[in-house]
PDB file of N, CA and C in Angstrom:
ATOM      1  N   MET A   1      -6.066 -21.702   5.395  1.00  0.00           N
ATOM      2  CA  MET A   1      -7.037 -21.145   4.479  1.00  0.00           C
ATOM      3  C   MET A   1      -7.985 -22.236   4.018  1.00  0.00           C
ATOM      4  N   ARG A   2      -9.226 -21.871   3.880  1.00  0.00           N
ATOM      5  CA  ARG A   2     -10.222 -22.855   3.478  1.00  0.00           C
ATOM      6  C   ARG A   2     -10.063 -23.259   2.017  1.00  0.00           C
ATOM      7  N   LEU A   3      -9.827 -22.298   1.149  1.00  0.00           N
ATOM      8  CA  LEU A   3      -9.660 -22.581  -0.266  1.00  0.00           C
ATOM      9  C   LEU A   3      -8.194 -22.424  -0.633  1.00  0.00           C
ATOM     10  N   PRO A   4      -7.752 -23.109  -1.668  1.00  0.00           N
ATOM     11  CA  PRO A   4      -6.341 -23.028  -2.013  1.00  0.00           C
ATOM     12  C   PRO A   4      -5.925 -21.627  -2.470  1.00  0.00           C
ATOM     13  N   LEU A   5      -4.674 -21.365  -2.296  1.00  0.00           N
ATOM     14  CA  LEU A   5      -4.060 -20.130  -2.739  1.00  0.00           C
ATOM     15  C   LEU A   5      -3.961 -20.164  -4.256  1.00  0.00           C
ATOM     16  N   GLN A   6      -4.326 -19.073  -4.896  1.00  0.00           N
ATOM     17  CA  GLN A   6      -4.221 -18.978  -6.347  1.00  0.00           C
ATOM     18  C   GLN A   6      -3.150 -17.940  -6.669  1.00  0.00           C
ATOM     19  N   ILE A   7      -2.121 -18.355  -7.406  1.00  0.00           N
ATOM     20  CA  ILE A   7      -1.039 -17.459  -7.790  1.00  0.00           C
ATOM     21  C   ILE A   7      -1.028 -17.350  -9.305  1.00  0.00           C
ATOM     22  N   THR A   8      -1.072 -16.123  -9.812  1.00  0.00           N
ATOM     23  CA  THR A   8      -1.040 -15.879 -11.245  1.00  0.00           C
ATOM     24  C   THR A   8       0.142 -14.971 -11.550  1.00  0.00           C
ATOM     25  N   ALA A   9       0.892 -15.322 -12.575  1.00  0.00           N
ATOM     26  CA  ALA A   9       2.018 -14.499 -13.014  1.00  0.00           C
ATOM     27  C   ALA A   9       1.737 -14.009 -14.431  1.00  0.00           C
ATOM     28  N   ARG A  10       1.902 -12.713 -14.643  1.00  0.00           N
ATOM     29  CA  ARG A  10       1.699 -12.126 -15.973  1.00  0.00           C
ATOM     30  C   ARG A  10       2.999 -11.483 -16.423  1.00  0.00           C
ATOM     31  N   ASP A  11       3.448 -11.895 -17.581  1.00  0.00           N
ATOM     32  CA  ASP A  11       4.669 -11.357 -18.180  1.00  0.00           C
ATOM     33  C   ASP A  11       5.903 -11.616 -17.316  1.00  0.00           C
ATOM     34  N   ILE A  12       5.848 -12.677 -16.517  1.00  0.00           N
ATOM     35  CA  ILE A  12       6.983 -13.091 -15.701  1.00  0.00           C
ATOM     36  C   ILE A  12       6.846 -14.590 -15.461  1.00  0.00           C
ATOM     37  N   GLU A  13       7.970 -15.282 -15.424  1.00  0.00           N
ATOM     38  CA  GLU A  13       7.941 -16.718 -15.151  1.00  0.00           C
ATOM     39  C   GLU A  13       7.755 -16.936 -13.654  1.00  0.00           C
ATOM     40  N   LEU A  14       6.800 -17.779 -13.319  1.00  0.00           N
ATOM     41  CA  LEU A  14       6.547 -18.106 -11.920  1.00  0.00           C
ATOM     42  C   LEU A  14       7.498 -19.222 -11.518  1.00  0.00           C
ATOM     43  N   THR A  15       8.637 -18.841 -10.973  1.00  0.00           N
ATOM     44  CA  THR A  15       9.637 -19.826 -10.572  1.00  0.00           C
ATOM     45  C   THR A  15       9.232 -20.455  -9.249  1.00  0.00           C
ATOM     46  N   GLU A  16       9.884 -21.551  -8.917  1.00  0.00           N
ATOM     47  CA  GLU A  16       9.611 -22.227  -7.645  1.00  0.00           C
ATOM     48  C   GLU A  16       9.944 -21.308  -6.471  1.00  0.00           C
ATOM     49  N   ALA A  17      11.006 -20.524  -6.601  1.00  0.00           N
ATOM     50  CA  ALA A  17      11.404 -19.609  -5.524  1.00  0.00           C
ATOM     51  C   ALA A  17      10.344 -18.543  -5.287  1.00  0.00           C
ATOM     52  N   ILE A  18       9.792 -17.995  -6.357  1.00  0.00           N
ATOM     53  CA  ILE A  18       8.748 -16.977  -6.223  1.00  0.00           C
ATOM     54  C   ILE A  18       7.495 -17.597  -5.608  1.00  0.00           C
ATOM     55  N   GLU A  19       7.104 -18.762  -6.102  1.00  0.00           N
ATOM     56  CA  GLU A  19       5.914 -19.428  -5.580  1.00  0.00           C
ATOM     57  C   GLU A  19       6.071 -19.759  -4.099  1.00  0.00           C
ATOM     58  N   THR A  20       7.247 -20.221  -3.704  1.00  0.00           N
ATOM     59  CA  THR A  20       7.518 -20.540  -2.299  1.00  0.00           C
ATOM     60  C   THR A  20       7.419 -19.284  -1.435  1.00  0.00           C
ATOM     61  N   ALA A  21       7.975 -18.177  -1.915  1.00  0.00           N
ATOM     62  CA  ALA A  21       7.918 -16.926  -1.157  1.00  0.00           C
ATOM     63  C   ALA A  21       6.476 -16.471  -0.973  1.00  0.00           C
ATOM     64  N   VAL A  22       5.672 -16.575  -2.030  1.00  0.00           N
ATOM     65  CA  VAL A  22       4.266 -16.176  -1.948  1.00  0.00           C
ATOM     66  C   VAL A  22       3.520 -17.077  -0.970  1.00  0.00           C
ATOM     67  N   ARG A  23       3.741 -18.390  -1.055  1.00  0.00           N
ATOM     68  CA  ARG A  23       3.048 -19.327  -0.162  1.00  0.00           C
ATOM     69  C   ARG A  23       3.392 -19.064   1.308  1.00  0.00           C
ATOM     70  N   LYS A  24       4.662 -18.807   1.596  1.00  0.00           N
ATOM     71  CA  LYS A  24       5.066 -18.538   2.984  1.00  0.00           C
ATOM     72  C   LYS A  24       4.397 -17.281   3.513  1.00  0.00           C
ATOM     73  N   LYS A  25       4.349 -16.246   2.687  1.00  0.00           N
ATOM     74  CA  LYS A  25       3.732 -14.993   3.126  1.00  0.00           C
ATOM     75  C   LYS A  25       2.224 -15.157   3.285  1.00  0.00           C
ATOM     76  N   ALA A  26       1.596 -15.917   2.395  1.00  0.00           N
ATOM     77  CA  ALA A  26       0.152 -16.152   2.493  1.00  0.00           C
ATOM     78  C   ALA A  26      -0.185 -16.952   3.749  1.00  0.00           C
ATOM     79  N   GLU A  27       0.646 -17.931   4.083  1.00  0.00           N
ATOM     80  CA  GLU A  27       0.403 -18.738   5.289  1.00  0.00           C
ATOM     81  C   GLU A  27       0.445 -17.881   6.548  1.00  0.00           C
ATOM     82  N   LYS A  28       1.278 -16.849   6.550  1.00  0.00           N
ATOM     83  CA  LYS A  28       1.373 -15.981   7.728  1.00  0.00           C
ATOM     84  C   LYS A  28       0.086 -15.190   7.956  1.00  0.00           C
ATOM     85  N   LEU A  29      -0.702 -15.002   6.895  1.00  0.00           N
ATOM     86  CA  LEU A  29      -1.974 -14.288   7.055  1.00  0.00           C
ATOM     87  C   LEU A  29      -2.946 -15.071   7.928  1.00  0.00           C
ATOM     88  N   ASP A  30      -2.783 -16.391   7.967  1.00  0.00           N
ATOM     89  CA  ASP A  30      -3.659 -17.233   8.788  1.00  0.00           C
ATOM     90  C   ASP A  30      -3.549 -16.904  10.276  1.00  0.00           C
ATOM     91  N   GLN A  31      -2.443 -16.306  10.708  1.00  0.00           N
ATOM     92  CA  GLN A  31      -2.307 -15.969  12.122  1.00  0.00           C
ATOM     93  C   GLN A  31      -3.247 -14.831  12.523  1.00  0.00           C
ATOM     94  N   PHE A  32      -3.721 -14.061  11.537  1.00  0.00           N
ATOM     95  CA  PHE A  32      -4.649 -12.969  11.828  1.00  0.00           C
ATOM     96  C   PHE A  32      -6.097 -13.420  11.770  1.00  0.00           C
ATOM     97  N   SER A  33      -6.365 -14.449  10.957  1.00  0.00           N
ATOM     98  CA  SER A  33      -7.729 -14.951  10.848  1.00  0.00           C
ATOM     99  C   SER A  33      -7.729 -16.358  10.287  1.00  0.00           C
ATOM    100  N   ASP A  34      -8.544 -17.212  10.898  1.00  0.00           N
ATOM    101  CA  ASP A  34      -8.696 -18.566  10.365  1.00  0.00           C
ATOM    102  C   ASP A  34      -9.920 -18.621   9.458  1.00  0.00           C
ATOM    103  N   ARG A  35     -10.457 -17.440   9.132  1.00  0.00           N
ATOM    104  CA  ARG A  35     -11.667 -17.367   8.320  1.00  0.00           C
ATOM    105  C   ARG A  35     -11.393 -16.898   6.890  1.00  0.00           C
ATOM    106  N   ILE A  36     -10.137 -16.930   6.462  1.00  0.00           N
ATOM    107  CA  ILE A  36      -9.811 -16.567   5.085  1.00  0.00           C
ATOM    108  C   ILE A  36     -10.331 -17.679   4.180  1.00  0.00           C
ATOM    109  N   MET A  37     -11.192 -17.308   3.252  1.00  0.00           N
ATOM    110  CA  MET A  37     -11.798 -18.299   2.373  1.00  0.00           C
ATOM    111  C   MET A  37     -11.044 -18.430   1.058  1.00  0.00           C
ATOM    112  N   ALA A  38     -10.362 -17.374   0.630  1.00  0.00           N
ATOM    113  CA  ALA A  38      -9.601 -17.424  -0.613  1.00  0.00           C
ATOM    114  C   ALA A  38      -8.532 -16.343  -0.598  1.00  0.00           C
ATOM    115  N   CYS A  39      -7.438 -16.638  -1.253  1.00  0.00           N
ATOM    116  CA  CYS A  39      -6.358 -15.667  -1.405  1.00  0.00           C
ATOM    117  C   CYS A  39      -5.856 -15.781  -2.844  1.00  0.00           C
ATOM    118  N   ARG A  40      -6.000 -14.686  -3.583  1.00  0.00           N
ATOM    119  CA  ARG A  40      -5.532 -14.646  -4.959  1.00  0.00           C
ATOM    120  C   ARG A  40      -4.411 -13.624  -5.056  1.00  0.00           C
ATOM    121  N   VAL A  41      -3.287 -14.039  -5.632  1.00  0.00           N
ATOM    122  CA  VAL A  41      -2.131 -13.164  -5.783  1.00  0.00           C
ATOM    123  C   VAL A  41      -1.791 -13.081  -7.265  1.00  0.00           C
ATOM    124  N   VAL A  42      -1.670 -11.853  -7.766  1.00  0.00           N
ATOM    125  CA  VAL A  42      -1.274 -11.639  -9.155  1.00  0.00           C
ATOM    126  C   VAL A  42       0.030 -10.860  -9.150  1.00  0.00           C
ATOM    127  N   ILE A  43       1.025 -11.428  -9.819  1.00  0.00           N
ATOM    128  CA  ILE A  43       2.331 -10.780  -9.957  1.00  0.00           C
ATOM    129  C   ILE A  43       2.470 -10.377 -11.415  1.00  0.00           C
ATOM    130  N   GLU A  44       2.754  -9.096 -11.646  1.00  0.00           N
ATOM    131  CA  GLU A  44       2.877  -8.601 -13.013  1.00  0.00           C
ATOM    132  C   GLU A  44       4.223  -7.927 -13.211  1.00  0.00           C
ATOM    133  N   CYS A  45       4.709  -8.058 -14.413  1.00  0.00           N
ATOM    134  CA  CYS A  45       5.926  -7.371 -14.827  1.00  0.00           C
ATOM    135  C   CYS A  45       5.630  -6.781 -16.208  1.00  0.00           C
ATOM    136  N   PRO A  46       4.947  -5.625 -16.243  1.00  0.00           N
ATOM    137  CA  PRO A  46       4.559  -5.051 -17.521  1.00  0.00           C
ATOM    138  C   PRO A  46       5.776  -4.754 -18.402  1.00  0.00           C
ATOM    139  N   HIS A  47       5.568  -4.835 -19.698  1.00  0.00           N
ATOM    140  CA  HIS A  47       6.660  -4.606 -20.648  1.00  0.00           C
ATOM    141  C   HIS A  47       6.817  -3.140 -21.026  1.00  0.00           C
ATOM    142  N   LYS A  48       6.279  -2.263 -20.226  1.00  0.00           N
ATOM    143  CA  LYS A  48       6.404  -0.838 -20.524  1.00  0.00           C
ATOM    144  C   LYS A  48       7.851  -0.405 -20.318  1.00  0.00           C
ATOM    145  N   HIS A  49       8.272   0.563 -21.070  1.00  0.00           N
ATOM    146  CA  HIS A  49       9.638   1.075 -20.928  1.00  0.00           C
ATOM    147  C   HIS A  49       9.660   2.110 -19.809  1.00  0.00           C
ATOM    148  N   HIS A  50      10.452   1.851 -18.805  1.00  0.00           N
ATOM    149  CA  HIS A  50      10.586   2.754 -17.670  1.00  0.00           C
ATOM    150  C   HIS A  50      12.031   3.210 -17.599  1.00  0.00           C
ATOM    151  N   HIS A  51      12.218   4.411 -17.135  1.00  0.00           N
ATOM    152  CA  HIS A  51      13.575   4.907 -16.947  1.00  0.00           C
ATOM    153  C   HIS A  51      14.270   4.158 -15.821  1.00  0.00           C
ATOM    154  N   LYS A  52      13.506   3.655 -14.868  1.00  0.00           N
ATOM    155  CA  LYS A  52      14.071   2.963 -13.715  1.00  0.00           C
ATOM    156  C   LYS A  52      14.352   1.495 -13.997  1.00  0.00           C
ATOM    157  N   GLY A  53      13.873   0.957 -15.088  1.00  0.00           N
ATOM    158  CA  GLY A  53      14.062  -0.462 -15.369  1.00  0.00           C
ATOM    159  C   GLY A  53      12.767  -1.225 -15.152  1.00  0.00           C
ATOM    160  N   VAL A  54      12.883  -2.512 -14.873  1.00  0.00           N
ATOM    161  CA  VAL A  54      11.724  -3.381 -14.701  1.00  0.00           C
ATOM    162  C   VAL A  54      11.047  -3.081 -13.363  1.00  0.00           C
ATOM    163  N   LEU A  55       9.723  -2.985 -13.403  1.00  0.00           N
ATOM    164  CA  LEU A  55       8.957  -2.782 -12.176  1.00  0.00           C
ATOM    165  C   LEU A  55       7.990  -3.939 -12.010  1.00  0.00           C
ATOM    166  N   TYR A  56       7.816  -4.390 -10.768  1.00  0.00           N
ATOM    167  CA  TYR A  56       6.920  -5.503 -10.458  1.00  0.00           C
ATOM    168  C   TYR A  56       5.708  -4.981  -9.702  1.00  0.00           C
ATOM    169  N   ASN A  57       4.534  -5.418 -10.138  1.00  0.00           N
ATOM    170  CA  ASN A  57       3.280  -5.104  -9.452  1.00  0.00           C
ATOM    171  C   ASN A  57       2.785  -6.368  -8.763  1.00  0.00           C
ATOM    172  N   VAL A  58       2.289  -6.221  -7.543  1.00  0.00           N
ATOM    173  CA  VAL A  58       1.694  -7.346  -6.821  1.00  0.00           C
ATOM    174  C   VAL A  58       0.307  -6.918  -6.352  1.00  0.00           C
ATOM    175  N   HIS A  59      -0.699  -7.687  -6.723  1.00  0.00           N
ATOM    176  CA  HIS A  59      -2.081  -7.456  -6.309  1.00  0.00           C
ATOM    177  C   HIS A  59      -2.528  -8.656  -5.483  1.00  0.00           C
ATOM    178  N   ILE A  60      -3.203  -8.384  -4.379  1.00  0.00           N
ATOM    179  CA  ILE A  60      -3.700  -9.464  -3.521  1.00  0.00           C
ATOM    180  C   ILE A  60      -5.184  -9.247  -3.280  1.00  0.00           C
ATOM    181  N   ASP A  61      -5.948 -10.308  -3.462  1.00  0.00           N
ATOM    182  CA  ASP A  61      -7.385 -10.331  -3.189  1.00  0.00           C
ATOM    183  C   ASP A  61      -7.628 -11.353  -2.093  1.00  0.00           C
ATOM    184  N   LEU A  62      -8.137 -10.912  -0.957  1.00  0.00           N
ATOM    185  CA  LEU A  62      -8.473 -11.820   0.140  1.00  0.00           C
ATOM    186  C   LEU A  62      -9.985 -11.850   0.307  1.00  0.00           C
ATOM    187  N   THR A  63     -10.550 -13.033   0.346  1.00  0.00           N
ATOM    188  CA  THR A  63     -11.980 -13.164   0.594  1.00  0.00           C
ATOM    189  C   THR A  63     -12.169 -13.693   2.018  1.00  0.00           C
ATOM    190  N   VAL A  64     -12.908 -12.921   2.806  1.00  0.00           N
ATOM    191  CA  VAL A  64     -13.250 -13.310   4.176  1.00  0.00           C
ATOM    192  C   VAL A  64     -14.760 -13.155   4.304  1.00  0.00           C
ATOM    193  N   PRO A  65     -15.386 -13.783   5.281  1.00  0.00           N
ATOM    194  CA  PRO A  65     -16.837 -13.644   5.419  1.00  0.00           C
ATOM    195  C   PRO A  65     -17.257 -12.174   5.489  1.00  0.00           C
ATOM    196  N   GLY A  66     -18.106 -11.789   4.569  1.00  0.00           N
ATOM    197  CA  GLY A  66     -18.644 -10.435   4.585  1.00  0.00           C
ATOM    198  C   GLY A  66     -17.798  -9.379   3.910  1.00  0.00           C
ATOM    199  N   ALA A  67     -16.642  -9.752   3.358  1.00  0.00           N
ATOM    200  CA  ALA A  67     -15.794  -8.723   2.742  1.00  0.00           C
ATOM    201  C   ALA A  67     -14.798  -9.332   1.763  1.00  0.00           C
ATOM    202  N   GLU A  68     -14.362  -8.483   0.856  1.00  0.00           N
ATOM    203  CA  GLU A  68     -13.248  -8.823  -0.022  1.00  0.00           C
ATOM    204  C   GLU A  68     -12.223  -7.716   0.149  1.00  0.00           C
ATOM    205  N   LEU A  69     -11.040  -8.084   0.573  1.00  0.00           N
ATOM    206  CA  LEU A  69      -9.978  -7.116   0.816  1.00  0.00           C
ATOM    207  C   LEU A  69      -9.048  -7.120  -0.390  1.00  0.00           C
ATOM    208  N   VAL A  70      -8.807  -5.934  -0.950  1.00  0.00           N
ATOM    209  CA  VAL A  70      -7.995  -5.815  -2.152  1.00  0.00           C
ATOM    210  C   VAL A  70      -6.773  -4.963  -1.844  1.00  0.00           C
ATOM    211  N   VAL A  71      -5.611  -5.465  -2.234  1.00  0.00           N
ATOM    212  CA  VAL A  71      -4.360  -4.754  -2.004  1.00  0.00           C
ATOM    213  C   VAL A  71      -3.669  -4.536  -3.337  1.00  0.00           C
ATOM    214  N   LYS A  72      -3.315  -3.294  -3.583  1.00  0.00           N
ATOM    215  CA  LYS A  72      -2.507  -2.952  -4.754  1.00  0.00           C
ATOM    216  C   LYS A  72      -1.499  -1.914  -4.292  1.00  0.00           C
ATOM    217  N   ARG A  73      -0.250  -2.266  -4.305  1.00  0.00           N
ATOM    218  CA  ARG A  73       0.810  -1.374  -3.832  1.00  0.00           C
ATOM    219  C   ARG A  73       1.526  -0.743  -5.022  1.00  0.00           C
ATOM    220  N   GLU A  74       2.368   0.227  -4.724  1.00  0.00           N
ATOM    221  CA  GLU A  74       3.179   0.847  -5.762  1.00  0.00           C
ATOM    222  C   GLU A  74       4.143  -0.194  -6.328  1.00  0.00           C
ATOM    223  N   PRO A  75       4.411  -0.136  -7.630  1.00  0.00           N
ATOM    224  CA  PRO A  75       5.370  -1.069  -8.219  1.00  0.00           C
ATOM    225  C   PRO A  75       6.758  -0.885  -7.611  1.00  0.00           C
ATOM    226  N   ASN A  76       7.552  -1.932  -7.665  1.00  0.00           N
ATOM    227  CA  ASN A  76       8.907  -1.873  -7.128  1.00  0.00           C
ATOM    228  C   ASN A  76       9.853  -2.597  -8.066  1.00  0.00           C
ATOM    229  N   GLU A  77      11.097  -2.169  -8.098  1.00  0.00           N
ATOM    230  CA  GLU A  77      12.108  -2.812  -8.942  1.00  0.00           C
ATOM    231  C   GLU A  77      12.506  -4.184  -8.419  1.00  0.00           C
ATOM    232  N   ASP A  78      12.319  -4.411  -7.122  1.00  0.00           N
ATOM    233  CA  ASP A  78      12.679  -5.690  -6.506  1.00  0.00           C
ATOM    234  C   ASP A  78      11.387  -6.470  -6.246  1.00  0.00           C
ATOM    235  N   LEU A  79      11.259  -7.613  -6.882  1.00  0.00           N
ATOM    236  CA  LEU A  79      10.051  -8.422  -6.748  1.00  0.00           C
ATOM    237  C   LEU A  79       9.779  -8.788  -5.296  1.00  0.00           C
ATOM    238  N   TYR A  80      10.811  -9.148  -4.554  1.00  0.00           N
ATOM    239  CA  TYR A  80      10.611  -9.593  -3.175  1.00  0.00           C
ATOM    240  C   TYR A  80      10.203  -8.434  -2.263  1.00  0.00           C
ATOM    241  N   VAL A  81      10.662  -7.225  -2.567  1.00  0.00           N
ATOM    242  CA  VAL A  81      10.218  -6.048  -1.820  1.00  0.00           C
ATOM    243  C   VAL A  81       8.759  -5.763  -2.155  1.00  0.00           C
ATOM    244  N   ALA A  82       8.386  -5.900  -3.431  1.00  0.00           N
ATOM    245  CA  ALA A  82       6.993  -5.706  -3.837  1.00  0.00           C
ATOM    246  C   ALA A  82       6.084  -6.715  -3.134  1.00  0.00           C
ATOM    247  N   LEU A  83       6.531  -7.972  -3.042  1.00  0.00           N
ATOM    248  CA  LEU A  83       5.763  -9.002  -2.337  1.00  0.00           C
ATOM    249  C   LEU A  83       5.626  -8.656  -0.857  1.00  0.00           C
ATOM    250  N   ARG A  84       6.728  -8.286  -0.232  1.00  0.00           N
ATOM    251  CA  ARG A  84       6.710  -7.946   1.201  1.00  0.00           C
ATOM    252  C   ARG A  84       5.747  -6.799   1.467  1.00  0.00           C
ATOM    253  N   ASP A  85       5.848  -5.728   0.670  1.00  0.00           N
ATOM    254  CA  ASP A  85       4.981  -4.565   0.885  1.00  0.00           C
ATOM    255  C   ASP A  85       3.510  -4.923   0.696  1.00  0.00           C
ATOM    256  N   ALA A  86       3.204  -5.716  -0.325  1.00  0.00           N
ATOM    257  CA  ALA A  86       1.816  -6.096  -0.585  1.00  0.00           C
ATOM    258  C   ALA A  86       1.264  -6.969   0.538  1.00  0.00           C
ATOM    259  N   PHE A  87       2.034  -7.941   0.995  1.00  0.00           N
ATOM    260  CA  PHE A  87       1.545  -8.811   2.067  1.00  0.00           C
ATOM    261  C   PHE A  87       1.476  -8.078   3.404  1.00  0.00           C
ATOM    262  N   ASP A  88       2.387  -7.118   3.639  1.00  0.00           N
ATOM    263  CA  ASP A  88       2.277  -6.301   4.851  1.00  0.00           C
ATOM    264  C   ASP A  88       0.975  -5.506   4.838  1.00  0.00           C
ATOM    265  N   ALA A  89       0.645  -4.935   3.676  1.00  0.00           N
ATOM    266  CA  ALA A  89      -0.599  -4.176   3.554  1.00  0.00           C
ATOM    267  C   ALA A  89      -1.809  -5.095   3.709  1.00  0.00           C
ATOM    268  N   ALA A  90      -1.736  -6.311   3.156  1.00  0.00           N
ATOM    269  CA  ALA A  90      -2.838  -7.275   3.292  1.00  0.00           C
ATOM    270  C   ALA A  90      -3.035  -7.647   4.761  1.00  0.00           C
ATOM    271  N   ALA A  91      -1.944  -7.873   5.477  1.00  0.00           N
ATOM    272  CA  ALA A  91      -2.036  -8.216   6.902  1.00  0.00           C
ATOM    273  C   ALA A  91      -2.662  -7.068   7.681  1.00  0.00           C
ATOM    274  N   ARG A  92      -2.271  -5.846   7.357  1.00  0.00           N
ATOM    275  CA  ARG A  92      -2.824  -4.672   8.035  1.00  0.00           C
ATOM    276  C   ARG A  92      -4.335  -4.565   7.779  1.00  0.00           C
ATOM    277  N   GLN A  93      -4.740  -4.733   6.517  1.00  0.00           N
ATOM    278  CA  GLN A  93      -6.172  -4.673   6.196  1.00  0.00           C
ATOM    279  C   GLN A  93      -6.945  -5.792   6.883  1.00  0.00           C
ATOM    280  N   LEU A  94      -6.359  -6.976   6.906  1.00  0.00           N
ATOM    281  CA  LEU A  94      -7.021  -8.122   7.525  1.00  0.00           C
ATOM    282  C   LEU A  94      -7.179  -7.898   9.028  1.00  0.00           C
ATOM    283  N   ARG A  95      -6.132  -7.400   9.695  1.00  0.00           N
ATOM    284  CA  ARG A  95      -6.218  -7.100  11.132  1.00  0.00           C
ATOM    285  C   ARG A  95      -7.312  -6.063  11.400  1.00  0.00           C
ATOM    286  N   GLU A  96      -7.340  -5.000  10.580  1.00  0.00           N
ATOM    287  CA  GLU A  96      -8.347  -3.961  10.769  1.00  0.00           C
ATOM    288  C   GLU A  96      -9.751  -4.514  10.558  1.00  0.00           C
ATOM    289  N   HIS A  97      -9.917  -5.341   9.544  1.00  0.00           N
ATOM    290  CA  HIS A  97     -11.228  -5.944   9.286  1.00  0.00           C
ATOM    291  C   HIS A  97     -11.642  -6.840  10.452  1.00  0.00           C
ATOM    292  N   MET A  98     -10.721  -7.648  10.940  1.00  0.00           N
ATOM    293  CA  MET A  98     -11.038  -8.549  12.047  1.00  0.00           C
ATOM    294  C   MET A  98     -11.359  -7.755  13.307  1.00  0.00           C
ATOM    295  N   ASP A  99     -10.638  -6.654  13.546  1.00  0.00           N
ATOM    296  CA  ASP A  99     -10.932  -5.811  14.707  1.00  0.00           C
ATOM    297  C   ASP A  99     -12.333  -5.229  14.618  1.00  0.00           C
ATOM    298  N   ARG A 100     -12.725  -4.790  13.418  1.00  0.00           N
ATOM    299  CA  ARG A 100     -14.069  -4.212  13.236  1.00  0.00           C
ATOM    300  C   ARG A 100     -15.141  -5.268  13.447  1.00  0.00           C
ATOM    301  N   THR A 101     -14.949  -6.459  12.901  1.00  0.00           N
ATOM    302  CA  THR A 101     -15.982  -7.492  13.006  1.00  0.00           C
ATOM    303  C   THR A 101     -15.968  -8.151  14.375  1.00  0.00           C
ATOM    304  N   GLN A 102     -14.841  -8.170  15.049  1.00  0.00           N
ATOM    305  CA  GLN A 102     -14.732  -8.769  16.380  1.00  0.00           C
ATOM    306  C   GLN A 102     -15.598  -8.015  17.375  1.00  0.00           C
ATOM    307  N   ASP A 103     -15.729  -6.700  17.175  1.00  0.00           N
ATOM    308  CA  ASP A 103     -16.535  -5.885  18.083  1.00  0.00           C
ATOM    309  C   ASP A 103     -18.002  -6.273  18.032  1.00  0.00           C
ATOM    310  N   HIS A 104     -18.436  -6.842  16.905  1.00  0.00           N
ATOM    311  CA  HIS A 104     -19.850  -7.125  16.724  1.00  0.00           C
ATOM    312  C   HIS A 104     -20.172  -8.612  16.688  1.00  0.00           C
ATOM    313  N   HIS A 105     -19.161  -9.454  16.715  1.00  0.00           N
ATOM    314  CA  HIS A 105     -19.397 -10.891  16.637  1.00  0.00           C
ATOM    315  C   HIS A 105     -18.542 -11.619  17.666  1.00  0.00           C
ATOM    316  N   GLY A 106     -19.099 -12.620  18.240  1.00  0.00           N
ATOM    317  CA  GLY A 106     -18.374 -13.448  19.191  1.00  0.00           C
ATOM    318  C   GLY A 106     -17.454 -14.403  18.460  1.00  0.00           C
ATOM    319  N   PRO A 107     -16.764 -15.283  19.174  1.00  0.00           N
ATOM    320  CA  PRO A 107     -15.802 -16.190  18.571  1.00  0.00           C
ATOM    321  C   PRO A 107     -16.406 -17.147  17.553  1.00  0.00           C
ATOM    322  N   ASN A 108     -17.683 -17.477  17.689  1.00  0.00           N
ATOM    323  CA  ASN A 108     -18.299 -18.390  16.739  1.00  0.00           C
ATOM    324  C   ASN A 108     -19.039 -17.653  15.630  1.00  0.00           C
ATOM    325  N   GLY A 109     -18.871 -16.311  15.553  1.00  0.00           N
ATOM    326  CA  GLY A 109     -19.487 -15.539  14.494  1.00  0.00           C
ATOM    327  C   GLY A 109     -20.882 -15.043  14.818  1.00  0.00           C
ATOM    328  N   ALA A 110     -21.438 -15.435  15.983  1.00  0.00           N
ATOM    329  CA  ALA A 110     -22.787 -14.996  16.359  1.00  0.00           C
ATOM    330  C   ALA A 110     -22.746 -13.535  16.787  1.00  0.00           C
ATOM    331  N   ALA A 111     -23.792 -12.826  16.496  1.00  0.00           N
ATOM    332  CA  ALA A 111     -23.862 -11.419  16.894  1.00  0.00           C
ATOM    333  C   ALA A 111     -23.879 -11.305  18.412  1.00  0.00           C
ATOM    334  N   VAL A 112     -23.183 -10.314  18.897  1.00  0.00           N
ATOM    335  CA  VAL A 112     -23.092 -10.085  20.337  1.00  0.00           C
ATOM    336  C   VAL A 112     -23.841  -8.802  20.661  1.00  0.00           C
ATOM    337  N   ALA A 113     -24.683  -8.836  21.676  1.00  0.00           N
ATOM    338  CA  ALA A 113     -25.423  -7.638  22.081  1.00  0.00           C
ATOM    339  C   ALA A 113     -24.472  -6.657  22.726  1.00  0.00           C
ATOM    340  N   GLU A 114     -24.586  -5.398  22.331  1.00  0.00           N
ATOM    341  CA  GLU A 114     -23.738  -4.372  22.915  1.00  0.00           C
ATOM    342  C   GLU A 114     -24.464  -3.744  24.087  1.00  0.00           C
ATOM    343  N   GLY A 115     -23.657  -3.236  25.011  1.00  0.00           N
ATOM    344  CA  GLY A 115     -24.327  -2.514  26.079  1.00  0.00           C
ATOM    345  C   GLY A 115     -23.944  -2.929  27.390  1.00  0.00           C
TER     346      GLY A 115
END
């Protein structure tokens, strides 16, 4: 990634284990594109009372040339499952974006004539 990964935790302590898990998952996004300019991850644990217990929200913002990809998944009781689901969705969006732009741009980003 060109710019550093930004991890924000709200209403939850950002432990070394959580940060390591986020960094590993973010690094895997590089296999889909070397043009990621920024990756922002927000982990939230709202203090709302739920019948199911504590729920974790994970939001991911990816900045790539020409687009900002935003991922917000359903909350989950397991933080690591919430992280996995959010990063899987981010990878899917990134692949789809790269497929769309690949059709119109060559490897160096120059426009390619169709036809």
